[in-house]
């Protein structure tokens, strides 16, 4: 499962359907452009809480996944604690992968 999420994240990034970093992700959520948010498992508890509350308020699915290094590497950056997937092109695929992961784990 690990490779599926990261591979899809890489594809979405190449299609310019992701944004990363706290400020840009927050803006994408508040502007209604984010279809889902991924927060690194290594992110601080404050960051996780901030994005969890924001995503609940704006009705955006949020998932905790991967390391900061993994999220950064697969989005073409060094490190990323938060990544937003933009638009609906990759939404269904991400939801299916994350749903399958929750069922099997």
PDB file of N, CA and C in Angstrom:
ATOM      1  N   UNK A   1       0.818  -1.212   0.000  1.00  0.00           N
ATOM      2  CA  UNK A   1       0.000   0.000   0.000  1.00  0.00           C
ATOM      3  C   UNK A   1       0.857   1.270   0.000  1.00  0.00           C
ATOM      4  N   UNK A   2       2.001   1.190   0.646  1.00  0.00           N
ATOM      5  CA  UNK A   2       2.838   2.379   0.766  1.00  0.00           C
ATOM      6  C   UNK A   2       3.130   2.983  -0.593  1.00  0.00           C
ATOM      7  N   UNK A   3       3.543   2.154  -1.526  1.00  0.00           N
ATOM      8  CA  UNK A   3       3.921   2.666  -2.830  1.00  0.00           C
ATOM      9  C   UNK A   3       2.741   3.250  -3.599  1.00  0.00           C
ATOM     10  N   UNK A   4       1.547   2.746  -3.374  1.00  0.00           N
ATOM     11  CA  UNK A   4       0.376   3.252  -4.089  1.00  0.00           C
ATOM     12  C   UNK A   4       0.100   4.705  -3.742  1.00  0.00           C
ATOM     13  N   UNK A   5       0.137   5.035  -2.461  1.00  0.00           N
ATOM     14  CA  UNK A   5      -0.125   6.419  -2.038  1.00  0.00           C
ATOM     15  C   UNK A   5       0.952   7.344  -2.587  1.00  0.00           C
ATOM     16  N   UNK A   6       2.198   6.961  -2.404  1.00  0.00           N
ATOM     17  CA  UNK A   6       3.296   7.818  -2.823  1.00  0.00           C
ATOM     18  C   UNK A   6       3.384   7.920  -4.344  1.00  0.00           C
ATOM     19  N   UNK A   7       3.111   6.832  -5.045  1.00  0.00           N
ATOM     20  CA  UNK A   7       3.116   6.876  -6.508  1.00  0.00           C
ATOM     21  C   UNK A   7       2.011   7.787  -7.028  1.00  0.00           C
ATOM     22  N   UNK A   8       0.830   7.673  -6.440  1.00  0.00           N
ATOM     23  CA  UNK A   8      -0.281   8.522  -6.840  1.00  0.00           C
ATOM     24  C   UNK A   8       0.004   9.984  -6.512  1.00  0.00           C
ATOM     25  N   UNK A   9       0.657  10.219  -5.371  1.00  0.00           N
ATOM     26  CA  UNK A   9       1.039  11.579  -4.999  1.00  0.00           C
ATOM     27  C   UNK A   9       2.011  12.163  -6.017  1.00  0.00           C
ATOM     28  N   UNK A  10       2.938  11.355  -6.467  1.00  0.00           N
ATOM     29  CA  UNK A  10       3.890  11.784  -7.485  1.00  0.00           C
ATOM     30  C   UNK A  10       3.183  12.118  -8.800  1.00  0.00           C
ATOM     31  N   UNK A  11       2.255  11.257  -9.216  1.00  0.00           N
ATOM     32  CA  UNK A  11       1.490  11.520 -10.445  1.00  0.00           C
ATOM     33  C   UNK A  11       0.674  12.806 -10.327  1.00  0.00           C
ATOM     34  N   UNK A  12       0.029  12.984  -9.192  1.00  0.00           N
ATOM     35  CA  UNK A  12      -0.773  14.186  -8.977  1.00  0.00           C
ATOM     36  C   UNK A  12       0.107  15.433  -9.005  1.00  0.00           C
ATOM     37  N   UNK A  13       1.305  15.322  -8.466  1.00  0.00           N
ATOM     38  CA  UNK A  13       2.234  16.457  -8.474  1.00  0.00           C
ATOM     39  C   UNK A  13       2.663  16.788  -9.903  1.00  0.00           C
ATOM     40  N   UNK A  14       2.974  15.769 -10.689  1.00  0.00           N
ATOM     41  CA  UNK A  14       3.363  15.990 -12.087  1.00  0.00           C
ATOM     42  C   UNK A  14       2.230  16.622 -12.884  1.00  0.00           C
ATOM     43  N   UNK A  15       0.996  16.333 -12.485  1.00  0.00           N
ATOM     44  CA  UNK A  15      -0.177  16.916 -13.151  1.00  0.00           C
ATOM     45  C   UNK A  15      -0.543  18.282 -12.554  1.00  0.00           C
ATOM     46  N   UNK A  16       0.309  18.775 -11.667  1.00  0.00           N
ATOM     47  CA  UNK A  16       0.097  20.071 -10.995  1.00  0.00           C
ATOM     48  C   UNK A  16      -1.204  20.099 -10.202  1.00  0.00           C
ATOM     49  N   UNK A  17      -1.483  18.972  -9.544  1.00  0.00           N
ATOM     50  CA  UNK A  17      -2.702  18.840  -8.753  1.00  0.00           C
ATOM     51  C   UNK A  17      -2.417  18.717  -7.260  1.00  0.00           C
ATOM     52  N   UNK A  18      -1.239  19.186  -6.832  1.00  0.00           N
ATOM     53  CA  UNK A  18      -0.918  19.199  -5.402  1.00  0.00           C
ATOM     54  C   UNK A  18      -0.301  20.536  -5.032  1.00  0.00           C
ATOM     55  N   UNK A  19      -0.361  20.826  -3.751  1.00  0.00           N
ATOM     56  CA  UNK A  19       0.363  21.955  -3.197  1.00  0.00           C
ATOM     57  C   UNK A  19       0.844  21.523  -1.825  1.00  0.00           C
ATOM     58  N   UNK A  20       1.973  22.056  -1.395  1.00  0.00           N
ATOM     59  CA  UNK A  20       2.537  21.631  -0.120  1.00  0.00           C
ATOM     60  C   UNK A  20       2.998  22.796   0.719  1.00  0.00           C
ATOM     61  N   UNK A  21       3.152  22.521   1.994  1.00  0.00           N
ATOM     62  CA  UNK A  21       3.545  23.549   2.939  1.00  0.00           C
ATOM     63  C   UNK A  21       2.316  24.095   3.657  1.00  0.00           C
ATOM     64  N   UNK A  22       2.480  24.403   4.928  1.00  0.00           N
ATOM     65  CA  UNK A  22       1.333  24.778   5.747  1.00  0.00           C
ATOM     66  C   UNK A  22       0.528  25.947   5.198  1.00  0.00           C
ATOM     67  N   UNK A  23       1.184  27.011   4.794  1.00  0.00           N
ATOM     68  CA  UNK A  23       0.451  28.192   4.328  1.00  0.00           C
ATOM     69  C   UNK A  23      -0.318  27.919   3.043  1.00  0.00           C
ATOM     70  N   UNK A  24       0.300  27.244   2.095  1.00  0.00           N
ATOM     71  CA  UNK A  24      -0.357  26.963   0.815  1.00  0.00           C
ATOM     72  C   UNK A  24      -1.483  25.947   0.966  1.00  0.00           C
ATOM     73  N   UNK A  25      -1.294  24.972   1.829  1.00  0.00           N
ATOM     74  CA  UNK A  25      -2.347  23.981   2.064  1.00  0.00           C
ATOM     75  C   UNK A  25      -3.534  24.651   2.758  1.00  0.00           C
ATOM     76  N   UNK A  26      -3.241  25.472   3.747  1.00  0.00           N
ATOM     77  CA  UNK A  26      -4.313  26.196   4.444  1.00  0.00           C
ATOM     78  C   UNK A  26      -5.110  27.064   3.471  1.00  0.00           C
ATOM     79  N   UNK A  27      -4.417  27.765   2.590  1.00  0.00           N
ATOM     80  CA  UNK A  27      -5.083  28.607   1.594  1.00  0.00           C
ATOM     81  C   UNK A  27      -5.943  27.759   0.650  1.00  0.00           C
ATOM     82  N   UNK A  28      -5.414  26.620   0.212  1.00  0.00           N
ATOM     83  CA  UNK A  28      -6.165  25.742  -0.692  1.00  0.00           C
ATOM     84  C   UNK A  28      -7.437  25.225  -0.029  1.00  0.00           C
ATOM     85  N   UNK A  29      -7.349  24.877   1.251  1.00  0.00           N
ATOM     86  CA  UNK A  29      -8.533  24.388   1.972  1.00  0.00           C
ATOM     87  C   UNK A  29      -9.563  25.504   2.093  1.00  0.00           C
ATOM     88  N   UNK A  30      -9.120  26.661   2.538  1.00  0.00           N
ATOM     89  CA  UNK A  30     -10.041  27.779   2.771  1.00  0.00           C
ATOM     90  C   UNK A  30     -10.642  28.315   1.472  1.00  0.00           C
ATOM     91  N   UNK A  31      -9.908  28.207   0.374  1.00  0.00           N
ATOM     92  CA  UNK A  31     -10.416  28.674  -0.928  1.00  0.00           C
ATOM     93  C   UNK A  31     -11.279  27.621  -1.631  1.00  0.00           C
ATOM     94  N   UNK A  32     -11.420  26.446  -1.026  1.00  0.00           N
ATOM     95  CA  UNK A  32     -12.236  25.388  -1.612  1.00  0.00           C
ATOM     96  C   UNK A  32     -11.562  24.648  -2.751  1.00  0.00           C
ATOM     97  N   UNK A  33     -10.241  24.767  -2.882  1.00  0.00           N
ATOM     98  CA  UNK A  33      -9.514  24.108  -3.969  1.00  0.00           C
ATOM     99  C   UNK A  33      -8.984  22.731  -3.585  1.00  0.00           C
ATOM    100  N   UNK A  34      -8.850  22.467  -2.290  1.00  0.00           N
ATOM    101  CA  UNK A  34      -8.310  21.182  -1.832  1.00  0.00           C
ATOM    102  C   UNK A  34      -9.410  20.134  -1.796  1.00  0.00           C
ATOM    103  N   UNK A  35      -9.156  18.996  -2.429  1.00  0.00           N
ATOM    104  CA  UNK A  35     -10.136  17.912  -2.361  1.00  0.00           C
ATOM    105  C   UNK A  35      -9.826  16.986  -1.190  1.00  0.00           C
ATOM    106  N   UNK A  36      -8.550  16.920  -0.780  1.00  0.00           N
ATOM    107  CA  UNK A  36      -8.167  16.197   0.427  1.00  0.00           C
ATOM    108  C   UNK A  36      -6.801  16.667   0.888  1.00  0.00           C
ATOM    109  N   UNK A  37      -6.502  16.420   2.159  1.00  0.00           N
ATOM    110  CA  UNK A  37      -5.240  16.848   2.759  1.00  0.00           C
ATOM    111  C   UNK A  37      -4.542  15.630   3.349  1.00  0.00           C
ATOM    112  N   UNK A  38      -3.228  15.584   3.156  1.00  0.00           N
ATOM    113  CA  UNK A  38      -2.405  14.545   3.766  1.00  0.00           C
ATOM    114  C   UNK A  38      -1.428  15.240   4.705  1.00  0.00           C
ATOM    115  N   UNK A  39      -1.418  14.791   5.965  1.00  0.00           N
ATOM    116  CA  UNK A  39      -0.507  15.335   6.971  1.00  0.00           C
ATOM    117  C   UNK A  39       0.474  14.236   7.345  1.00  0.00           C
ATOM    118  N   UNK A  40       1.731  14.568   7.407  1.00  0.00           N
ATOM    119  CA  UNK A  40       2.753  13.598   7.762  1.00  0.00           C
ATOM    120  C   UNK A  40       2.534  13.077   9.180  1.00  0.00           C
ATOM    121  N   UNK A  41       2.828  11.799   9.381  1.00  0.00           N
ATOM    122  CA  UNK A  41       2.754  11.208  10.718  1.00  0.00           C
ATOM    123  C   UNK A  41       3.765  11.877  11.647  1.00  0.00           C
ATOM    124  N   UNK A  42       4.806  12.480  11.087  1.00  0.00           N
ATOM    125  CA  UNK A  42       5.834  13.151  11.880  1.00  0.00           C
ATOM    126  C   UNK A  42       5.496  14.602  12.209  1.00  0.00           C
ATOM    127  N   UNK A  43       4.407  15.123  11.674  1.00  0.00           N
ATOM    128  CA  UNK A  43       4.031  16.513  11.945  1.00  0.00           C
ATOM    129  C   UNK A  43       3.756  16.682  13.433  1.00  0.00           C
ATOM    130  N   UNK A  44       3.943  17.891  13.921  1.00  0.00           N
ATOM    131  CA  UNK A  44       3.697  18.151  15.334  1.00  0.00           C
ATOM    132  C   UNK A  44       2.217  17.969  15.658  1.00  0.00           C
ATOM    133  N   UNK A  45       1.929  17.731  16.910  1.00  0.00           N
ATOM    134  CA  UNK A  45       0.531  17.569  17.329  1.00  0.00           C
ATOM    135  C   UNK A  45      -0.264  18.840  17.054  1.00  0.00           C
ATOM    136  N   UNK A  46       0.371  20.005  17.199  1.00  0.00           N
ATOM    137  CA  UNK A  46      -0.310  21.273  16.902  1.00  0.00           C
ATOM    138  C   UNK A  46      -0.699  21.354  15.432  1.00  0.00           C
ATOM    139  N   UNK A  47       0.208  20.946  14.563  1.00  0.00           N
ATOM    140  CA  UNK A  47      -0.073  20.966  13.121  1.00  0.00           C
ATOM    141  C   UNK A  47      -1.200  19.995  12.794  1.00  0.00           C
ATOM    142  N   UNK A  48      -1.130  18.794  13.341  1.00  0.00           N
ATOM    143  CA  UNK A  48      -2.183  17.811  13.091  1.00  0.00           C
ATOM    144  C   UNK A  48      -3.543  18.328  13.557  1.00  0.00           C
ATOM    145  N   UNK A  49      -3.564  18.909  14.755  1.00  0.00           N
ATOM    146  CA  UNK A  49      -4.823  19.415  15.305  1.00  0.00           C
ATOM    147  C   UNK A  49      -5.359  20.569  14.472  1.00  0.00           C
ATOM    148  N   UNK A  50      -4.474  21.488  14.092  1.00  0.00           N
ATOM    149  CA  UNK A  50      -4.873  22.649  13.281  1.00  0.00           C
ATOM    150  C   UNK A  50      -5.535  22.206  11.983  1.00  0.00           C
ATOM    151  N   UNK A  51      -4.895  21.279  11.277  1.00  0.00           N
ATOM    152  CA  UNK A  51      -5.427  20.842   9.989  1.00  0.00           C
ATOM    153  C   UNK A  51      -6.646  19.938  10.155  1.00  0.00           C
ATOM    154  N   UNK A  52      -6.672  19.135  11.196  1.00  0.00           N
ATOM    155  CA  UNK A  52      -7.851  18.301  11.454  1.00  0.00           C
ATOM    156  C   UNK A  52      -9.071  19.194  11.675  1.00  0.00           C
ATOM    157  N   UNK A  53      -8.934  20.200  12.535  1.00  0.00           N
ATOM    158  CA  UNK A  53     -10.050  21.112  12.812  1.00  0.00           C
ATOM    159  C   UNK A  53     -10.468  21.882  11.565  1.00  0.00           C
ATOM    160  N   UNK A  54      -9.491  22.373  10.818  1.00  0.00           N
ATOM    161  CA  UNK A  54      -9.780  23.136   9.601  1.00  0.00           C
ATOM    162  C   UNK A  54     -10.494  22.263   8.576  1.00  0.00           C
ATOM    163  N   UNK A  55     -10.016  21.042   8.397  1.00  0.00           N
ATOM    164  CA  UNK A  55     -10.621  20.150   7.404  1.00  0.00           C
ATOM    165  C   UNK A  55     -12.031  19.731   7.811  1.00  0.00           C
ATOM    166  N   UNK A  56     -12.250  19.539   9.089  1.00  0.00           N
ATOM    167  CA  UNK A  56     -13.613  19.234   9.557  1.00  0.00           C
ATOM    168  C   UNK A  56     -14.530  20.409   9.252  1.00  0.00           C
ATOM    169  N   UNK A  57     -14.073  21.607   9.568  1.00  0.00           N
ATOM    170  CA  UNK A  57     -14.884  22.809   9.353  1.00  0.00           C
ATOM    171  C   UNK A  57     -15.226  23.008   7.876  1.00  0.00           C
ATOM    172  N   UNK A  58     -14.238  22.785   7.003  1.00  0.00           N
ATOM    173  CA  UNK A  58     -14.434  22.999   5.565  1.00  0.00           C
ATOM    174  C   UNK A  58     -14.865  21.727   4.819  1.00  0.00           C
ATOM    175  N   UNK A  59     -15.115  20.647   5.543  1.00  0.00           N
ATOM    176  CA  UNK A  59     -15.579  19.377   4.965  1.00  0.00           C
ATOM    177  C   UNK A  59     -14.605  18.830   3.918  1.00  0.00           C
ATOM    178  N   UNK A  60     -13.330  18.793   4.285  1.00  0.00           N
ATOM    179  CA  UNK A  60     -12.279  18.254   3.416  1.00  0.00           C
ATOM    180  C   UNK A  60     -11.698  17.008   4.102  1.00  0.00           C
ATOM    181  N   UNK A  61     -11.673  15.864   3.438  1.00  0.00           N
ATOM    182  CA  UNK A  61     -11.084  14.658   4.048  1.00  0.00           C
ATOM    183  C   UNK A  61      -9.608  14.889   4.376  1.00  0.00           C
ATOM    184  N   UNK A  62      -9.180  14.376   5.514  1.00  0.00           N
ATOM    185  CA  UNK A  62      -7.785  14.512   5.928  1.00  0.00           C
ATOM    186  C   UNK A  62      -7.262  13.140   6.347  1.00  0.00           C
ATOM    187  N   UNK A  63      -6.030  12.863   5.959  1.00  0.00           N
ATOM    188  CA  UNK A  63      -5.392  11.593   6.289  1.00  0.00           C
ATOM    189  C   UNK A  63      -3.992  11.861   6.816  1.00  0.00           C
ATOM    190  N   UNK A  64      -3.583  11.051   7.780  1.00  0.00           N
ATOM    191  CA  UNK A  64      -2.218  11.099   8.294  1.00  0.00           C
ATOM    192  C   UNK A  64      -1.462   9.973   7.615  1.00  0.00           C
ATOM    193  N   UNK A  65      -0.356  10.334   6.957  1.00  0.00           N
ATOM    194  CA  UNK A  65       0.361   9.318   6.206  1.00  0.00           C
ATOM    195  C   UNK A  65       1.813   9.726   5.974  1.00  0.00           C
ATOM    196  N   UNK A  66       2.709   8.794   6.099  1.00  0.00           N
ATOM    197  CA  UNK A  66       4.098   8.950   5.683  1.00  0.00           C
ATOM    198  C   UNK A  66       4.935   9.876   6.536  1.00  0.00           C
ATOM    199  N   UNK A  67       6.185   9.967   6.142  1.00  0.00           N
ATOM    200  CA  UNK A  67       7.132  10.857   6.814  1.00  0.00           C
ATOM    201  C   UNK A  67       7.206  12.174   6.062  1.00  0.00           C
ATOM    202  N   UNK A  68       7.781  13.164   6.714  1.00  0.00           N
ATOM    203  CA  UNK A  68       7.970  14.462   6.049  1.00  0.00           C
ATOM    204  C   UNK A  68       8.866  14.296   4.827  1.00  0.00           C
ATOM    205  N   UNK A  69       9.871  13.445   4.962  1.00  0.00           N
ATOM    206  CA  UNK A  69      10.797  13.204   3.854  1.00  0.00           C
ATOM    207  C   UNK A  69      10.099  12.548   2.673  1.00  0.00           C
ATOM    208  N   UNK A  70       9.236  11.559   2.945  1.00  0.00           N
ATOM    209  CA  UNK A  70       8.496  10.881   1.865  1.00  0.00           C
ATOM    210  C   UNK A  70       7.553  11.852   1.156  1.00  0.00           C
ATOM    211  N   UNK A  71       6.781  12.606   1.920  1.00  0.00           N
ATOM    212  CA  UNK A  71       5.850  13.556   1.309  1.00  0.00           C
ATOM    213  C   UNK A  71       6.608  14.596   0.487  1.00  0.00           C
ATOM    214  N   UNK A  72       7.750  15.024   0.987  1.00  0.00           N
ATOM    215  CA  UNK A  72       8.564  15.980   0.242  1.00  0.00           C
ATOM    216  C   UNK A  72       9.128  15.384  -1.031  1.00  0.00           C
ATOM    217  N   UNK A  73       9.714  14.211  -0.901  1.00  0.00           N
ATOM    218  CA  UNK A  73      10.344  13.546  -2.049  1.00  0.00           C
ATOM    219  C   UNK A  73       9.344  13.331  -3.186  1.00  0.00           C
ATOM    220  N   UNK A  74       8.148  12.886  -2.855  1.00  0.00           N
ATOM    221  CA  UNK A  74       7.163  12.569  -3.893  1.00  0.00           C
ATOM    222  C   UNK A  74       6.379  13.780  -4.380  1.00  0.00           C
ATOM    223  N   UNK A  75       6.676  14.953  -3.808  1.00  0.00           N
ATOM    224  CA  UNK A  75       6.096  16.190  -4.329  1.00  0.00           C
ATOM    225  C   UNK A  75       7.190  17.109  -4.869  1.00  0.00           C
ATOM    226  N   UNK A  76       8.397  16.564  -4.989  1.00  0.00           N
ATOM    227  CA  UNK A  76       9.489  17.312  -5.592  1.00  0.00           C
ATOM    228  C   UNK A  76      10.151  18.328  -4.675  1.00  0.00           C
ATOM    229  N   UNK A  77       9.992  18.162  -3.382  1.00  0.00           N
ATOM    230  CA  UNK A  77      10.592  19.071  -2.406  1.00  0.00           C
ATOM    231  C   UNK A  77      11.461  18.265  -1.454  1.00  0.00           C
ATOM    232  N   UNK A  78      12.110  18.959  -0.508  1.00  0.00           N
ATOM    233  CA  UNK A  78      12.945  18.238   0.443  1.00  0.00           C
ATOM    234  C   UNK A  78      12.094  17.612   1.553  1.00  0.00           C
ATOM    235  N   UNK A  79      11.284  18.438   2.223  1.00  0.00           N
ATOM    236  CA  UNK A  79      10.418  17.967   3.302  1.00  0.00           C
ATOM    237  C   UNK A  79       9.065  18.641   3.174  1.00  0.00           C
ATOM    238  N   UNK A  80       8.019  17.924   3.516  1.00  0.00           N
ATOM    239  CA  UNK A  80       6.672  18.501   3.566  1.00  0.00           C
ATOM    240  C   UNK A  80       5.906  17.839   4.705  1.00  0.00           C
ATOM    241  N   UNK A  81       5.361  18.643   5.604  1.00  0.00           N
ATOM    242  CA  UNK A  81       4.525  18.113   6.689  1.00  0.00           C
ATOM    243  C   UNK A  81       3.076  18.005   6.238  1.00  0.00           C
ATOM    244  N   UNK A  82       2.698  18.840   5.272  1.00  0.00           N
ATOM    245  CA  UNK A  82       1.314  18.831   4.783  1.00  0.00           C
ATOM    246  C   UNK A  82       1.294  18.943   3.263  1.00  0.00           C
ATOM    247  N   UNK A  83       0.346  18.234   2.651  1.00  0.00           N
ATOM    248  CA  UNK A  83       0.148  18.284   1.207  1.00  0.00           C
ATOM    249  C   UNK A  83      -1.350  18.295   0.951  1.00  0.00           C
ATOM    250  N   UNK A  84      -1.781  19.142   0.026  1.00  0.00           N
ATOM    251  CA  UNK A  84      -3.182  19.146  -0.395  1.00  0.00           C
ATOM    252  C   UNK A  84      -3.264  18.632  -1.825  1.00  0.00           C
ATOM    253  N   UNK A  85      -4.233  17.767  -2.070  1.00  0.00           N
ATOM    254  CA  UNK A  85      -4.524  17.316  -3.426  1.00  0.00           C
ATOM    255  C   UNK A  85      -5.622  18.242  -3.946  1.00  0.00           C
ATOM    256  N   UNK A  86      -5.370  18.862  -5.088  1.00  0.00           N
ATOM    257  CA  UNK A  86      -6.286  19.863  -5.637  1.00  0.00           C
ATOM    258  C   UNK A  86      -7.230  19.237  -6.652  1.00  0.00           C
ATOM    259  N   UNK A  87      -8.396  19.800  -6.760  1.00  0.00           N
ATOM    260  CA  UNK A  87      -9.349  19.325  -7.759  1.00  0.00           C
ATOM    261  C   UNK A  87      -9.840  17.923  -7.467  1.00  0.00           C
ATOM    262  N   UNK A  88     -10.565  17.371  -8.418  1.00  0.00           N
ATOM    263  CA  UNK A  88     -11.184  16.048  -8.234  1.00  0.00           C
ATOM    264  C   UNK A  88     -10.555  14.954  -9.092  1.00  0.00           C
ATOM    265  N   UNK A  89      -9.554  15.294  -9.906  1.00  0.00           N
ATOM    266  CA  UNK A  89      -8.976  14.310 -10.820  1.00  0.00           C
ATOM    267  C   UNK A  89      -8.410  13.080 -10.108  1.00  0.00           C
ATOM    268  N   UNK A  90      -7.766  13.278  -8.974  1.00  0.00           N
ATOM    269  CA  UNK A  90      -7.126  12.176  -8.255  1.00  0.00           C
ATOM    270  C   UNK A  90      -7.875  11.798  -6.977  1.00  0.00           C
ATOM    271  N   UNK A  91      -8.926  12.516  -6.679  1.00  0.00           N
ATOM    272  CA  UNK A  91      -9.671  12.337  -5.428  1.00  0.00           C
ATOM    273  C   UNK A  91     -10.132  10.893  -5.221  1.00  0.00           C
ATOM    274  N   UNK A  92     -10.847  10.328  -6.177  1.00  0.00           N
ATOM    275  CA  UNK A  92     -11.394   8.979  -6.033  1.00  0.00           C
ATOM    276  C   UNK A  92     -10.303   7.941  -5.799  1.00  0.00           C
ATOM    277  N   UNK A  93      -9.199   8.078  -6.496  1.00  0.00           N
ATOM    278  CA  UNK A  93      -8.098   7.114  -6.343  1.00  0.00           C
ATOM    279  C   UNK A  93      -7.496   7.180  -4.944  1.00  0.00           C
ATOM    280  N   UNK A  94      -7.272   8.399  -4.442  1.00  0.00           N
ATOM    281  CA  UNK A  94      -6.733   8.541  -3.088  1.00  0.00           C
ATOM    282  C   UNK A  94      -7.718   7.986  -2.058  1.00  0.00           C
ATOM    283  N   UNK A  95      -8.988   8.313  -2.188  1.00  0.00           N
ATOM    284  CA  UNK A  95      -9.987   7.840  -1.228  1.00  0.00           C
ATOM    285  C   UNK A  95     -10.036   6.318  -1.220  1.00  0.00           C
ATOM    286  N   UNK A  96      -9.988   5.700  -2.395  1.00  0.00           N
ATOM    287  CA  UNK A  96     -10.017   4.233  -2.468  1.00  0.00           C
ATOM    288  C   UNK A  96      -8.804   3.629  -1.765  1.00  0.00           C
ATOM    289  N   UNK A  97      -7.634   4.169  -2.010  1.00  0.00           N
ATOM    290  CA  UNK A  97      -6.414   3.638  -1.384  1.00  0.00           C
ATOM    291  C   UNK A  97      -6.484   3.793   0.135  1.00  0.00           C
ATOM    292  N   UNK A  98      -6.840   4.992   0.598  1.00  0.00           N
ATOM    293  CA  UNK A  98      -6.892   5.220   2.045  1.00  0.00           C
ATOM    294  C   UNK A  98      -7.990   4.381   2.699  1.00  0.00           C
ATOM    295  N   UNK A  99      -9.114   4.195   2.029  1.00  0.00           N
ATOM    296  CA  UNK A  99     -10.193   3.360   2.569  1.00  0.00           C
ATOM    297  C   UNK A  99      -9.747   1.904   2.662  1.00  0.00           C
ATOM    298  N   UNK A 100      -9.096   1.422   1.628  1.00  0.00           N
ATOM    299  CA  UNK A 100      -8.571   0.049   1.643  1.00  0.00           C
ATOM    300  C   UNK A 100      -7.549  -0.148   2.767  1.00  0.00           C
ATOM    301  N   UNK A 101      -6.719   0.857   3.003  1.00  0.00           N
ATOM    302  CA  UNK A 101      -5.714   0.782   4.053  1.00  0.00           C
ATOM    303  C   UNK A 101      -6.373   0.684   5.432  1.00  0.00           C
ATOM    304  N   UNK A 102      -7.416   1.462   5.654  1.00  0.00           N
ATOM    305  CA  UNK A 102      -8.105   1.471   6.944  1.00  0.00           C
ATOM    306  C   UNK A 102      -8.772   0.122   7.203  1.00  0.00           C
ATOM    307  N   UNK A 103      -9.269  -0.510   6.148  1.00  0.00           N
ATOM    308  CA  UNK A 103      -9.954  -1.798   6.304  1.00  0.00           C
ATOM    309  C   UNK A 103      -8.950  -2.900   6.622  1.00  0.00           C
ATOM    310  N   UNK A 104      -7.795  -2.876   5.959  1.00  0.00           N
ATOM    311  CA  UNK A 104      -6.837  -3.967   6.108  1.00  0.00           C
ATOM    312  C   UNK A 104      -5.921  -3.811   7.303  1.00  0.00           C
ATOM    313  N   UNK A 105      -5.772  -2.607   7.820  1.00  0.00           N
ATOM    314  CA  UNK A 105      -4.835  -2.423   8.930  1.00  0.00           C
ATOM    315  C   UNK A 105      -5.503  -2.613  10.279  1.00  0.00           C
TER     316      UNK A 105
END
